[in-house]
Amino acid sequence: MARTKEFNEDQALEKAIEIFWHKGYNGTSAQDLVTHLGLSRSSLYDTFGDKQKLFVRSLKRYQKQNQESLIELFENSENIRTTITEIFKQAVLESLQDNITKGCFMVNSAVELAMHDPEIGKIVHDNQKSVEDIFYNAVKRGQESGQISDKQEARSLARFIFNNYSGIRVLARAGEKDKQVYDDILKAIFSLF
């Protein structure tokens, strides 16, 4: 008779995101996963397969959650420029308050794995395209309403925003804690739109 699972897969995936985000793929051992997820090795492997498959599922879950959150922010936004500003300010605040310098799970995965793992590379590339499209639609809406300058083409500005957001997350992962550094970056970014 097959045993029933005694854990919640969604909760286990959230815990996997936490440990992979903190330690990275290469820095996370099988024992780290067993300990952090609170599962036996057999439950872990029976449910998720190997470490790489668990990482892919975790990264895709993180991607879906973040994209849905971003879409919702813009759908509920009355001022696109203000919303973009708040997204950057929140990233800076998280960077300054984060004691373990996590940065962004997707950006971290891009830097650590995208060049060496085609499956991760595709997830990272698809995420870049999707988030860029979310920013593009928001910028276009902001330009049409006069909230964002139309000096720059919307697609170029969306790419610029995405690139700078990712750069702030890399700074955070590298441990940057000087608020003035972030303030200077934000000032330059917002001067362009």
Protein backbone atom coordinates (compact mmCIF):
# COMPACT_ATOMS: atom_id res chain seq x y z
CA MET A 1 0.00 0.00 0.00
CA ALA A 2 1.34 3.43 -0.94
CA ARG A 3 2.08 5.83 1.89
CA THR A 4 0.33 9.17 1.89
CA LYS A 5 2.36 12.35 1.93
CA GLU A 6 2.55 13.97 5.34
CA PHE A 7 3.66 17.40 4.14
CA ASN A 8 2.39 20.26 2.02
CA GLU A 9 4.22 20.51 -1.32
CA ASP A 10 3.57 24.24 -1.61
CA GLN A 11 5.09 24.88 1.81
CA ALA A 12 8.05 22.67 0.93
CA LEU A 13 8.59 24.64 -2.30
CA GLU A 14 8.50 27.93 -0.37
CA LYS A 15 11.16 26.56 1.96
CA ALA A 16 13.20 25.39 -1.03
CA ILE A 17 13.02 28.91 -2.49
CA GLU A 18 14.33 30.28 0.83
CA ILE A 19 17.35 27.99 1.02
CA PHE A 20 18.27 28.20 -2.68
CA TRP A 21 17.83 31.98 -2.60
CA HIS A 22 20.10 32.31 0.41
CA LYS A 23 22.80 29.78 -0.51
CA GLY A 24 22.47 29.46 -4.27
CA TYR A 25 22.20 26.20 -6.17
CA ASN A 26 25.83 25.15 -5.78
CA GLY A 27 25.98 26.20 -2.14
CA THR A 28 22.93 24.15 -1.15
CA SER A 29 23.64 20.55 -0.29
CA ALA A 30 21.16 17.68 -0.25
CA GLN A 31 21.47 17.71 3.54
CA ASP A 32 20.63 21.45 3.60
CA LEU A 33 17.45 20.65 1.71
CA VAL A 34 16.50 17.78 3.99
CA THR A 35 17.11 19.90 7.08
CA HIS A 36 15.50 23.12 5.84
CA LEU A 37 12.46 21.46 4.28
CA GLY A 38 12.04 19.09 7.21
CA LEU A 39 11.68 16.09 4.91
CA SER A 40 13.39 12.76 4.70
CA ARG A 41 15.62 12.21 1.69
CA SER A 42 13.18 9.66 0.32
CA SER A 43 10.21 12.06 0.60
CA LEU A 44 12.27 14.81 -0.98
CA TYR A 45 13.38 12.72 -3.94
CA ASP A 46 10.06 10.86 -4.36
CA THR A 47 8.19 14.16 -4.58
CA PHE A 48 10.56 16.50 -6.35
CA GLY A 49 13.10 14.26 -8.06
CA ASP A 50 16.68 15.42 -7.80
CA LYS A 51 18.10 18.73 -6.56
CA GLN A 52 18.08 20.27 -10.03
CA LYS A 53 14.40 19.48 -10.57
CA LEU A 54 13.54 20.95 -7.18
CA PHE A 55 15.54 24.06 -8.04
CA VAL A 56 13.72 24.47 -11.37
CA ARG A 57 10.31 24.11 -9.70
CA SER A 58 11.34 26.60 -7.02
CA LEU A 59 12.59 29.12 -9.57
CA LYS A 60 9.44 28.80 -11.69
CA ARG A 61 7.27 29.29 -8.61
CA TYR A 62 9.25 32.38 -7.62
CA GLN A 63 8.97 33.70 -11.20
CA LYS A 64 5.20 33.21 -11.28
CA GLN A 65 4.66 34.87 -7.90
CA ASN A 66 6.79 37.89 -8.74
CA GLN A 67 5.29 38.43 -12.17
CA GLU A 68 1.75 38.17 -10.82
CA SER A 69 2.61 40.66 -8.08
CA LEU A 70 4.12 43.12 -10.56
CA ILE A 71 1.12 42.86 -12.90
CA GLU A 72 -1.24 43.47 -9.98
CA LEU A 73 0.75 46.52 -8.85
CA PHE A 74 0.47 48.11 -12.28
CA GLU A 75 -3.18 47.14 -12.77
CA ASN A 76 -4.03 48.90 -9.49
CA SER A 77 -1.75 51.88 -10.14
CA GLU A 78 -3.19 55.34 -10.52
CA ASN A 79 0.24 56.78 -11.35
CA ILE A 80 2.68 54.53 -13.22
CA ARG A 81 5.72 56.72 -12.56
CA THR A 82 5.00 56.66 -8.82
CA THR A 83 4.53 52.89 -8.88
CA ILE A 84 7.85 52.34 -10.66
CA THR A 85 9.51 54.67 -8.16
CA GLU A 86 8.00 52.69 -5.26
CA ILE A 87 9.19 49.38 -6.78
CA PHE A 88 12.76 50.70 -6.84
CA LYS A 89 12.50 52.22 -3.36
CA GLN A 90 11.22 48.90 -2.00
CA ALA A 91 14.14 47.05 -3.62
CA VAL A 92 16.56 49.50 -2.00
CA LEU A 93 14.85 49.19 1.39
CA GLU A 94 15.03 45.39 1.20
CA SER A 95 18.69 45.62 0.19
CA LEU A 96 19.56 47.84 3.14
CA GLN A 97 17.60 45.78 5.67
CA ASP A 98 18.62 42.32 4.43
CA ASN A 99 21.14 40.87 6.86
CA ILE A 100 21.95 37.89 4.63
CA THR A 101 22.26 39.84 1.35
CA LYS A 102 19.85 37.71 -0.66
CA GLY A 103 19.35 40.04 -3.60
CA CYS A 104 16.84 38.55 -6.07
CA PHE A 105 16.49 34.80 -6.53
CA MET A 106 16.03 35.14 -10.30
CA VAL A 107 18.98 37.52 -10.73
CA ASN A 108 21.15 35.32 -8.51
CA SER A 109 20.21 32.29 -10.61
CA ALA A 110 20.99 34.19 -13.80
CA VAL A 111 24.47 35.04 -12.55
CA GLU A 112 25.20 31.63 -11.04
CA LEU A 113 23.66 29.19 -13.51
CA ALA A 114 22.20 30.63 -16.72
CA MET A 115 25.40 30.24 -18.74
CA HIS A 116 25.96 26.65 -17.64
CA ASP A 117 22.46 25.18 -17.45
CA PRO A 118 20.28 25.52 -20.56
CA GLU A 119 17.04 24.90 -18.66
CA ILE A 120 17.82 27.61 -16.10
CA GLY A 121 19.04 29.85 -18.90
CA LYS A 122 15.67 29.52 -20.65
CA ILE A 123 13.76 30.32 -17.44
CA VAL A 124 15.94 33.39 -16.87
CA HIS A 125 15.55 34.52 -20.49
CA ASP A 126 11.77 33.99 -20.43
CA ASN A 127 11.56 35.89 -17.16
CA GLN A 128 13.55 38.79 -18.60
CA LYS A 129 11.24 38.98 -21.60
CA SER A 130 8.07 38.73 -19.50
CA VAL A 131 9.13 41.32 -16.93
CA GLU A 132 10.35 43.63 -19.69
CA ASP A 133 6.91 43.29 -21.32
CA ILE A 134 5.21 44.11 -18.01
CA PHE A 135 7.34 47.24 -17.69
CA TYR A 136 6.77 48.09 -21.37
CA ASN A 137 2.99 47.97 -20.97
CA ALA A 138 3.21 50.06 -17.81
CA VAL A 139 5.54 52.63 -19.38
CA LYS A 140 3.34 52.87 -22.49
CA ARG A 141 0.32 53.47 -20.27
CA GLY A 142 2.28 56.04 -18.26
CA GLN A 143 3.37 57.84 -21.43
CA GLU A 144 -0.17 57.89 -22.81
CA SER A 145 -1.45 59.45 -19.59
CA GLY A 146 1.40 61.97 -19.42
CA GLN A 147 2.83 60.48 -16.20
CA ILE A 148 6.05 59.39 -17.91
CA SER A 149 8.07 61.41 -20.40
CA ASP A 150 7.93 60.20 -23.98
CA LYS A 151 11.49 61.38 -24.72
CA GLN A 152 12.50 57.71 -24.68
CA GLU A 153 10.75 54.98 -26.65
CA ALA A 154 8.68 52.79 -24.30
CA ARG A 155 10.52 49.55 -25.14
CA SER A 156 13.93 51.13 -24.56
CA LEU A 157 12.78 52.60 -21.27
CA ALA A 158 11.31 49.24 -20.16
CA ARG A 159 14.65 47.55 -20.88
CA PHE A 160 16.49 50.30 -19.02
CA ILE A 161 14.19 49.92 -16.00
CA PHE A 162 14.53 46.13 -15.95
CA ASN A 163 18.32 46.30 -16.29
CA ASN A 164 18.67 48.83 -13.47
CA TYR A 165 16.32 46.93 -11.20
CA SER A 166 18.43 43.80 -11.75
CA GLY A 167 21.60 45.83 -11.10
CA ILE A 168 20.27 47.02 -7.75
CA ARG A 169 19.58 43.40 -6.83
CA VAL A 170 23.15 42.44 -7.77
CA LEU A 171 24.48 45.24 -5.56
CA ALA A 172 22.35 43.90 -2.72
CA ARG A 173 23.69 40.37 -3.21
CA ALA A 174 27.21 41.78 -3.15
CA GLY A 175 26.43 43.28 0.25
CA GLU A 176 26.19 47.00 -0.57
CA LYS A 177 24.77 48.78 2.49
CA ASP A 178 25.56 52.43 1.69
CA LYS A 179 22.21 54.19 1.21
CA GLN A 180 23.92 57.03 -0.68
CA VAL A 181 25.02 54.61 -3.39
CA TYR A 182 21.42 53.55 -3.96
CA ASP A 183 20.13 57.14 -3.73
CA ASP A 184 22.58 58.25 -6.43
CA ILE A 185 21.52 55.40 -8.70
CA LEU A 186 17.81 56.10 -8.23
CA LYS A 187 18.32 59.81 -8.87
CA ALA A 188 20.02 59.04 -12.20
CA ILE A 189 17.38 56.47 -13.19
CA PHE A 190 14.42 58.75 -12.49
CA SER A 191 15.98 61.69 -14.28
CA LEU A 192 15.41 59.81 -17.52
CA PHE A 193 11.65 59.47 -17.24
